[in-house]
N, C-alpha and C. Protein backbone atom coordinates (compact mmCIF):
# COMPACT_ATOMS: atom_id res chain seq x y z
N MET A 1 3.13 -79.93 133.70
CA MET A 1 4.09 -80.99 133.87
C MET A 1 5.35 -80.49 134.45
N GLY A 2 5.81 -79.29 134.01
CA GLY A 2 7.05 -78.77 134.52
C GLY A 2 7.12 -78.59 136.00
N PHE A 3 6.03 -78.24 136.55
CA PHE A 3 5.92 -78.05 138.02
C PHE A 3 6.18 -79.36 138.76
N ALA A 4 5.51 -80.45 138.29
CA ALA A 4 5.63 -81.72 138.93
C ALA A 4 7.00 -82.35 138.71
N GLU A 5 7.50 -82.25 137.51
CA GLU A 5 8.85 -82.83 137.18
C GLU A 5 9.93 -82.10 137.91
N GLU A 6 9.84 -80.77 138.00
CA GLU A 6 10.90 -80.03 138.72
C GLU A 6 10.83 -80.33 140.19
N THR A 7 9.61 -80.49 140.73
CA THR A 7 9.48 -80.82 142.17
C THR A 7 10.12 -82.16 142.43
N LEU A 8 9.85 -83.15 141.54
CA LEU A 8 10.44 -84.47 141.69
C LEU A 8 11.97 -84.46 141.46
N PHE A 9 12.44 -84.00 140.34
CA PHE A 9 13.85 -84.17 139.98
C PHE A 9 14.78 -83.14 140.59
N ARG A 10 14.48 -81.84 140.55
CA ARG A 10 15.36 -80.82 141.11
C ARG A 10 14.95 -80.51 142.53
N GLY A 11 13.91 -81.06 143.03
CA GLY A 11 13.51 -80.95 144.43
C GLY A 11 13.85 -82.19 145.21
N ILE A 12 13.00 -83.22 145.14
CA ILE A 12 13.17 -84.40 145.93
C ILE A 12 14.41 -85.21 145.55
N ILE A 13 14.56 -85.59 144.25
CA ILE A 13 15.69 -86.43 143.85
C ILE A 13 17.04 -85.72 144.07
N LEU A 14 17.11 -84.48 143.62
CA LEU A 14 18.36 -83.73 143.84
C LEU A 14 18.76 -83.65 145.30
N ARG A 15 17.82 -83.30 146.19
CA ARG A 15 18.11 -83.25 147.60
C ARG A 15 18.51 -84.64 148.11
N SER A 16 17.86 -85.67 147.67
CA SER A 16 18.16 -87.03 148.12
C SER A 16 19.56 -87.46 147.70
N LEU A 17 19.93 -87.05 146.50
CA LEU A 17 21.27 -87.42 145.96
C LEU A 17 22.37 -86.67 146.71
N ARG A 18 22.10 -85.56 147.29
CA ARG A 18 23.11 -84.83 148.08
C ARG A 18 23.31 -85.41 149.46
N THR A 19 23.57 -86.71 149.54
CA THR A 19 23.82 -87.35 150.78
C THR A 19 25.10 -88.07 150.74
N ASN A 20 25.59 -88.49 151.91
CA ASN A 20 26.80 -89.32 152.02
C ASN A 20 28.00 -88.68 151.34
N LEU A 21 28.05 -87.37 151.35
CA LEU A 21 29.13 -86.59 150.72
C LEU A 21 29.37 -86.94 149.27
N ARG A 22 28.30 -87.23 148.52
CA ARG A 22 28.36 -87.48 147.12
C ARG A 22 28.84 -86.26 146.39
N PRO A 23 29.80 -86.31 145.52
CA PRO A 23 30.27 -85.14 144.80
C PRO A 23 29.15 -84.51 143.97
N GLU A 24 29.11 -83.22 143.91
CA GLU A 24 28.01 -82.51 143.21
C GLU A 24 28.02 -82.88 141.71
N ALA A 25 29.17 -83.17 141.15
CA ALA A 25 29.22 -83.56 139.70
C ALA A 25 28.37 -84.87 139.52
N TRP A 26 28.46 -85.77 140.44
CA TRP A 26 27.65 -87.00 140.33
C TRP A 26 26.16 -86.69 140.47
N VAL A 27 25.85 -85.76 141.37
CA VAL A 27 24.40 -85.35 141.56
C VAL A 27 23.90 -84.82 140.21
N LEU A 28 24.71 -83.95 139.58
CA LEU A 28 24.29 -83.42 138.27
C LEU A 28 24.04 -84.53 137.22
N LEU A 29 25.03 -85.42 137.09
CA LEU A 29 24.94 -86.48 136.08
C LEU A 29 23.73 -87.46 136.37
N ILE A 30 23.64 -87.92 137.62
CA ILE A 30 22.61 -88.89 137.94
C ILE A 30 21.22 -88.24 137.75
N SER A 31 21.03 -87.05 138.30
CA SER A 31 19.71 -86.48 138.21
C SER A 31 19.33 -86.15 136.76
N SER A 32 20.26 -85.72 135.94
CA SER A 32 19.94 -85.36 134.55
C SER A 32 19.73 -86.59 133.70
N VAL A 33 20.51 -87.61 133.86
CA VAL A 33 20.28 -88.86 133.10
C VAL A 33 19.00 -89.54 133.56
N TRP A 34 18.73 -89.50 134.83
CA TRP A 34 17.46 -90.09 135.37
C TRP A 34 16.25 -89.35 134.79
N PHE A 35 16.38 -88.00 134.67
CA PHE A 35 15.37 -87.16 134.11
C PHE A 35 15.12 -87.58 132.65
N GLY A 36 16.22 -87.84 131.90
CA GLY A 36 16.10 -88.30 130.54
C GLY A 36 15.42 -89.62 130.42
N PHE A 37 15.86 -90.65 131.22
CA PHE A 37 15.19 -91.94 131.17
C PHE A 37 13.74 -91.90 131.57
N PHE A 38 13.38 -90.97 132.43
CA PHE A 38 11.96 -90.79 132.86
C PHE A 38 11.07 -90.61 131.62
N HIS A 39 11.61 -90.01 130.61
CA HIS A 39 10.85 -89.74 129.39
C HIS A 39 10.68 -90.94 128.47
N LEU A 40 11.25 -92.09 128.85
CA LEU A 40 11.04 -93.31 128.14
C LEU A 40 9.49 -93.71 128.18
N THR A 41 8.84 -93.22 129.21
CA THR A 41 7.41 -93.54 129.33
C THR A 41 6.58 -92.99 128.24
N ASN A 42 7.18 -92.12 127.45
CA ASN A 42 6.42 -91.55 126.24
C ASN A 42 6.11 -92.60 125.21
N ILE A 43 6.72 -93.77 125.29
CA ILE A 43 6.43 -94.92 124.39
C ILE A 43 4.97 -95.30 124.70
N VAL A 44 4.62 -95.28 125.97
CA VAL A 44 3.26 -95.71 126.34
C VAL A 44 2.21 -94.75 125.73
N ASN A 45 2.65 -93.48 125.59
CA ASN A 45 1.72 -92.50 125.00
C ASN A 45 1.62 -92.52 123.49
N GLY A 46 2.31 -93.50 122.87
CA GLY A 46 2.21 -93.70 121.45
C GLY A 46 3.31 -93.03 120.62
N SER A 47 4.32 -92.51 121.31
CA SER A 47 5.43 -91.91 120.58
C SER A 47 6.27 -93.02 119.95
N PRO A 48 6.83 -92.84 118.73
CA PRO A 48 7.61 -93.88 118.13
C PRO A 48 8.95 -94.05 118.91
N ALA A 49 9.49 -95.26 118.97
CA ALA A 49 10.68 -95.57 119.75
C ALA A 49 11.83 -94.64 119.37
N ALA A 50 12.09 -94.40 118.10
CA ALA A 50 13.23 -93.54 117.70
C ALA A 50 13.04 -92.16 118.24
N GLY A 51 11.81 -91.65 118.18
CA GLY A 51 11.52 -90.38 118.74
C GLY A 51 11.72 -90.24 120.21
N VAL A 52 11.43 -91.35 120.93
CA VAL A 52 11.52 -91.39 122.40
C VAL A 52 12.98 -91.33 122.76
N VAL A 53 13.88 -92.02 122.03
CA VAL A 53 15.27 -91.98 122.30
C VAL A 53 15.83 -90.55 122.14
N THR A 54 15.38 -89.88 121.14
CA THR A 54 15.77 -88.47 120.91
C THR A 54 15.24 -87.62 122.09
N GLN A 55 14.02 -87.89 122.47
CA GLN A 55 13.41 -87.13 123.60
C GLN A 55 14.26 -87.39 124.89
N CYS A 56 14.72 -88.56 125.12
CA CYS A 56 15.47 -88.90 126.32
C CYS A 56 16.81 -88.13 126.31
N VAL A 57 17.45 -88.05 125.18
CA VAL A 57 18.74 -87.36 125.07
C VAL A 57 18.48 -85.86 125.28
N GLN A 58 17.44 -85.33 124.62
CA GLN A 58 17.11 -83.94 124.81
C GLN A 58 16.67 -83.63 126.27
N ALA A 59 15.96 -84.53 126.83
CA ALA A 59 15.55 -84.31 128.27
C ALA A 59 16.75 -84.33 129.21
N SER A 60 17.71 -85.26 128.94
CA SER A 60 18.87 -85.21 129.76
C SER A 60 19.65 -83.91 129.63
N ALA A 61 19.76 -83.42 128.42
CA ALA A 61 20.45 -82.13 128.19
C ALA A 61 19.67 -81.02 128.87
N ALA A 62 18.36 -81.06 128.75
CA ALA A 62 17.52 -80.02 129.40
C ALA A 62 17.63 -80.20 130.94
N GLY A 63 17.83 -81.38 131.43
CA GLY A 63 17.97 -81.58 132.84
C GLY A 63 19.23 -80.92 133.34
N VAL A 64 20.28 -80.92 132.53
CA VAL A 64 21.52 -80.20 132.94
C VAL A 64 21.26 -78.73 133.11
N VAL A 65 20.56 -78.18 132.05
CA VAL A 65 20.24 -76.74 132.09
C VAL A 65 19.33 -76.40 133.29
N LEU A 66 18.36 -77.24 133.54
CA LEU A 66 17.41 -76.96 134.63
C LEU A 66 18.14 -77.14 135.97
N TYR A 67 19.07 -78.04 136.05
CA TYR A 67 19.87 -78.22 137.26
C TYR A 67 20.70 -76.91 137.47
N THR A 68 21.26 -76.40 136.35
CA THR A 68 22.04 -75.18 136.41
C THR A 68 21.22 -74.06 137.01
N PHE A 69 19.95 -73.89 136.53
CA PHE A 69 19.11 -72.90 137.10
C PHE A 69 18.91 -73.07 138.60
N ARG A 70 18.71 -74.30 138.99
CA ARG A 70 18.48 -74.59 140.42
C ARG A 70 19.72 -74.33 141.20
N ARG A 71 20.87 -74.70 140.67
CA ARG A 71 22.16 -74.53 141.35
C ARG A 71 22.51 -73.01 141.49
N ILE A 72 22.35 -72.26 140.42
CA ILE A 72 22.78 -70.83 140.38
C ILE A 72 21.84 -70.01 141.26
N ARG A 73 20.56 -70.18 141.09
CA ARG A 73 19.59 -69.33 141.85
C ARG A 73 19.24 -69.93 143.18
N GLY A 74 19.36 -71.27 143.31
CA GLY A 74 18.98 -71.92 144.61
C GLY A 74 17.47 -72.02 144.77
N LEU A 75 16.79 -71.73 143.74
CA LEU A 75 15.29 -71.74 143.79
C LEU A 75 14.71 -72.73 142.79
N LEU A 76 13.76 -73.47 143.18
CA LEU A 76 13.10 -74.39 142.33
C LEU A 76 12.17 -73.71 141.31
N VAL A 77 11.64 -72.57 141.67
CA VAL A 77 10.67 -71.93 140.82
C VAL A 77 11.27 -71.42 139.48
N VAL A 78 12.53 -71.07 139.49
CA VAL A 78 13.22 -70.63 138.23
C VAL A 78 13.21 -71.74 137.22
N GLY A 79 13.57 -72.96 137.67
CA GLY A 79 13.53 -74.11 136.77
C GLY A 79 12.13 -74.46 136.33
N MET A 80 11.16 -74.29 137.25
CA MET A 80 9.74 -74.58 136.95
C MET A 80 9.32 -73.66 135.81
N ILE A 81 9.63 -72.40 135.87
CA ILE A 81 9.23 -71.48 134.81
C ILE A 81 9.88 -71.78 133.52
N ALA A 82 11.22 -72.08 133.53
CA ALA A 82 11.92 -72.42 132.32
C ALA A 82 11.39 -73.75 131.73
N HIS A 83 11.09 -74.71 132.60
CA HIS A 83 10.55 -76.00 132.14
C HIS A 83 9.19 -75.76 131.55
N GLY A 84 8.37 -74.97 132.14
CA GLY A 84 7.08 -74.68 131.57
C GLY A 84 7.12 -74.05 130.18
N LEU A 85 8.05 -73.07 130.08
CA LEU A 85 8.22 -72.44 128.72
C LEU A 85 8.75 -73.42 127.69
N TRP A 86 9.65 -74.29 128.06
CA TRP A 86 10.19 -75.30 127.20
C TRP A 86 9.04 -76.24 126.73
N ASP A 87 8.22 -76.69 127.70
CA ASP A 87 7.10 -77.58 127.36
C ASP A 87 6.14 -76.91 126.43
N MET A 88 5.85 -75.61 126.63
CA MET A 88 4.93 -74.92 125.73
C MET A 88 5.51 -74.86 124.31
N SER A 89 6.81 -74.68 124.21
CA SER A 89 7.44 -74.58 122.86
C SER A 89 7.43 -76.00 122.18
N VAL A 90 7.45 -77.02 122.96
CA VAL A 90 7.44 -78.40 122.40
C VAL A 90 6.04 -78.87 122.07
N PHE A 91 5.07 -78.58 122.94
CA PHE A 91 3.74 -79.16 122.81
C PHE A 91 2.79 -78.32 121.95
N LEU A 92 3.12 -77.08 121.70
CA LEU A 92 2.30 -76.30 120.79
C LEU A 92 2.49 -76.74 119.36
N PRO A 93 1.60 -76.44 118.43
CA PRO A 93 1.75 -76.84 117.06
C PRO A 93 3.10 -76.50 116.48
N ALA A 94 3.60 -77.37 115.65
CA ALA A 94 4.96 -77.21 115.09
C ALA A 94 5.04 -75.90 114.27
N PRO A 95 6.07 -75.11 114.47
CA PRO A 95 6.18 -73.90 113.66
C PRO A 95 6.64 -74.25 112.26
N THR A 96 6.37 -73.31 111.36
CA THR A 96 6.84 -73.45 109.96
C THR A 96 7.67 -72.26 109.54
N GLY A 97 8.37 -72.40 108.48
CA GLY A 97 9.15 -71.35 107.94
C GLY A 97 10.23 -70.84 108.89
N THR A 98 10.30 -69.57 109.05
CA THR A 98 11.36 -68.90 109.87
C THR A 98 11.26 -69.35 111.34
N LEU A 99 10.03 -69.56 111.79
CA LEU A 99 9.89 -70.00 113.22
C LEU A 99 10.42 -71.41 113.41
N ALA A 100 10.35 -72.28 112.41
CA ALA A 100 10.86 -73.64 112.53
C ALA A 100 12.36 -73.51 112.65
N VAL A 101 13.00 -72.67 111.90
CA VAL A 101 14.46 -72.46 112.00
C VAL A 101 14.83 -71.93 113.36
N ALA A 102 14.10 -70.99 113.85
CA ALA A 102 14.36 -70.41 115.19
C ALA A 102 14.16 -71.46 116.26
N ASN A 103 13.12 -72.28 116.11
CA ASN A 103 12.89 -73.37 117.07
C ASN A 103 14.04 -74.32 117.15
N LEU A 104 14.48 -74.72 115.96
CA LEU A 104 15.68 -75.64 115.88
C LEU A 104 16.93 -74.98 116.49
N ALA A 105 17.12 -73.70 116.18
CA ALA A 105 18.24 -72.99 116.77
C ALA A 105 18.21 -73.02 118.32
N VAL A 106 17.06 -72.75 118.87
CA VAL A 106 16.90 -72.76 120.32
C VAL A 106 17.18 -74.12 120.85
N GLN A 107 16.70 -75.18 120.23
CA GLN A 107 16.99 -76.56 120.67
C GLN A 107 18.49 -76.86 120.64
N VAL A 108 19.13 -76.45 119.58
CA VAL A 108 20.60 -76.68 119.47
C VAL A 108 21.30 -75.84 120.54
N LEU A 109 20.90 -74.62 120.77
CA LEU A 109 21.47 -73.78 121.78
C LEU A 109 21.34 -74.35 123.21
N VAL A 110 20.16 -74.90 123.48
CA VAL A 110 19.95 -75.59 124.77
C VAL A 110 20.86 -76.77 124.93
N PHE A 111 21.01 -77.59 123.86
CA PHE A 111 21.83 -78.77 123.92
C PHE A 111 23.29 -78.38 124.13
N LEU A 112 23.77 -77.38 123.34
CA LEU A 112 25.19 -76.97 123.47
C LEU A 112 25.46 -76.30 124.85
N SER A 113 24.50 -75.52 125.28
CA SER A 113 24.61 -74.91 126.66
C SER A 113 24.66 -75.94 127.68
N ALA A 114 23.87 -76.99 127.59
CA ALA A 114 23.90 -78.09 128.55
C ALA A 114 25.25 -78.84 128.52
N LEU A 115 25.75 -79.04 127.35
CA LEU A 115 27.06 -79.71 127.23
C LEU A 115 28.16 -78.88 127.87
N VAL A 116 28.22 -77.61 127.59
CA VAL A 116 29.25 -76.71 128.18
C VAL A 116 29.05 -76.67 129.67
N ALA A 117 27.79 -76.52 130.18
CA ALA A 117 27.55 -76.42 131.56
C ALA A 117 27.92 -77.70 132.32
N ALA A 118 27.61 -78.82 131.69
CA ALA A 118 27.97 -80.13 132.31
C ALA A 118 29.48 -80.31 132.41
N ILE A 119 30.17 -79.94 131.36
CA ILE A 119 31.64 -80.06 131.42
C ILE A 119 32.26 -79.11 132.44
N VAL A 120 31.82 -77.90 132.44
CA VAL A 120 32.33 -76.94 133.48
C VAL A 120 32.03 -77.38 134.90
N MET A 121 30.79 -77.78 135.15
CA MET A 121 30.41 -78.17 136.49
C MET A 121 31.08 -79.48 136.89
N ILE A 122 31.24 -80.44 135.99
CA ILE A 122 31.87 -81.68 136.42
C ILE A 122 33.36 -81.42 136.68
N ARG A 123 33.98 -80.65 135.91
CA ARG A 123 35.41 -80.29 136.16
C ARG A 123 35.59 -79.51 137.46
N ARG A 124 34.68 -78.59 137.72
CA ARG A 124 34.76 -77.77 138.88
C ARG A 124 34.23 -78.45 140.16
N ASP A 125 33.15 -79.18 140.01
CA ASP A 125 32.40 -79.67 141.15
C ASP A 125 32.68 -81.15 141.57
N ARG A 126 33.66 -81.73 140.93
CA ARG A 126 33.97 -83.17 141.23
C ARG A 126 34.50 -83.30 142.68
N ARG A 127 35.03 -82.18 143.19
CA ARG A 127 35.59 -82.27 144.56
C ARG A 127 34.81 -81.52 145.62
N ILE A 128 33.56 -81.11 145.28
CA ILE A 128 32.72 -80.43 146.28
C ILE A 128 31.45 -81.19 146.51
N THR A 129 30.87 -81.04 147.68
CA THR A 129 29.61 -81.65 147.99
C THR A 129 28.73 -80.61 148.79
N VAL A 130 27.46 -80.79 148.65
CA VAL A 130 26.56 -79.85 149.41
C VAL A 130 26.00 -80.70 150.53
N THR A 131 26.13 -80.16 151.73
CA THR A 131 25.57 -80.81 152.88
C THR A 131 24.39 -79.95 153.41
N SER A 132 23.70 -80.41 154.44
CA SER A 132 22.57 -79.65 154.97
C SER A 132 23.08 -78.37 155.62
N SER A 133 24.35 -78.22 155.98
CA SER A 133 24.79 -77.05 156.63
C SER A 133 25.60 -76.11 155.71
N ASP A 134 26.33 -76.69 154.74
CA ASP A 134 27.14 -75.85 153.86
C ASP A 134 27.70 -76.63 152.72
N VAL A 135 28.60 -75.98 151.98
CA VAL A 135 29.30 -76.68 150.87
C VAL A 135 30.70 -77.06 151.35
N GLN A 136 31.10 -78.30 151.10
CA GLN A 136 32.40 -78.80 151.60
C GLN A 136 33.25 -79.25 150.43
N THR A 137 34.51 -79.18 150.62
CA THR A 137 35.45 -79.71 149.66
C THR A 137 35.86 -81.10 150.11
N LEU A 138 35.79 -82.08 149.16
CA LEU A 138 36.16 -83.42 149.47
C LEU A 138 37.68 -83.65 149.52
């Protein structure tokens, strides 16, 4: 799933949003929130509605982190690997004991990292845009 979702969101959608001199901060927000809403489809898979809302918020936060990987490295494959590792940690049987605490700590760390990254990038990138030839200041 990580391969397909990264190709769609940090590949096709991200590149499509980088048009018309749209500020990069908006590209970050739109693609990350869209990624979160994409997970609303989990209701169809039988997930409870309250759990899906939590998944959407977590997915939006993860979208910021995955966007950061794409932005810093410029490669889609880095986000694909990170996304795959995240999915494995979520879809494998739930850990117990010490591993459950570690799992929760990682989730909180990802959320806090996403929050800090989003704030930094929005403050810094609200006046820049990425074009097909280079990065421009608006």
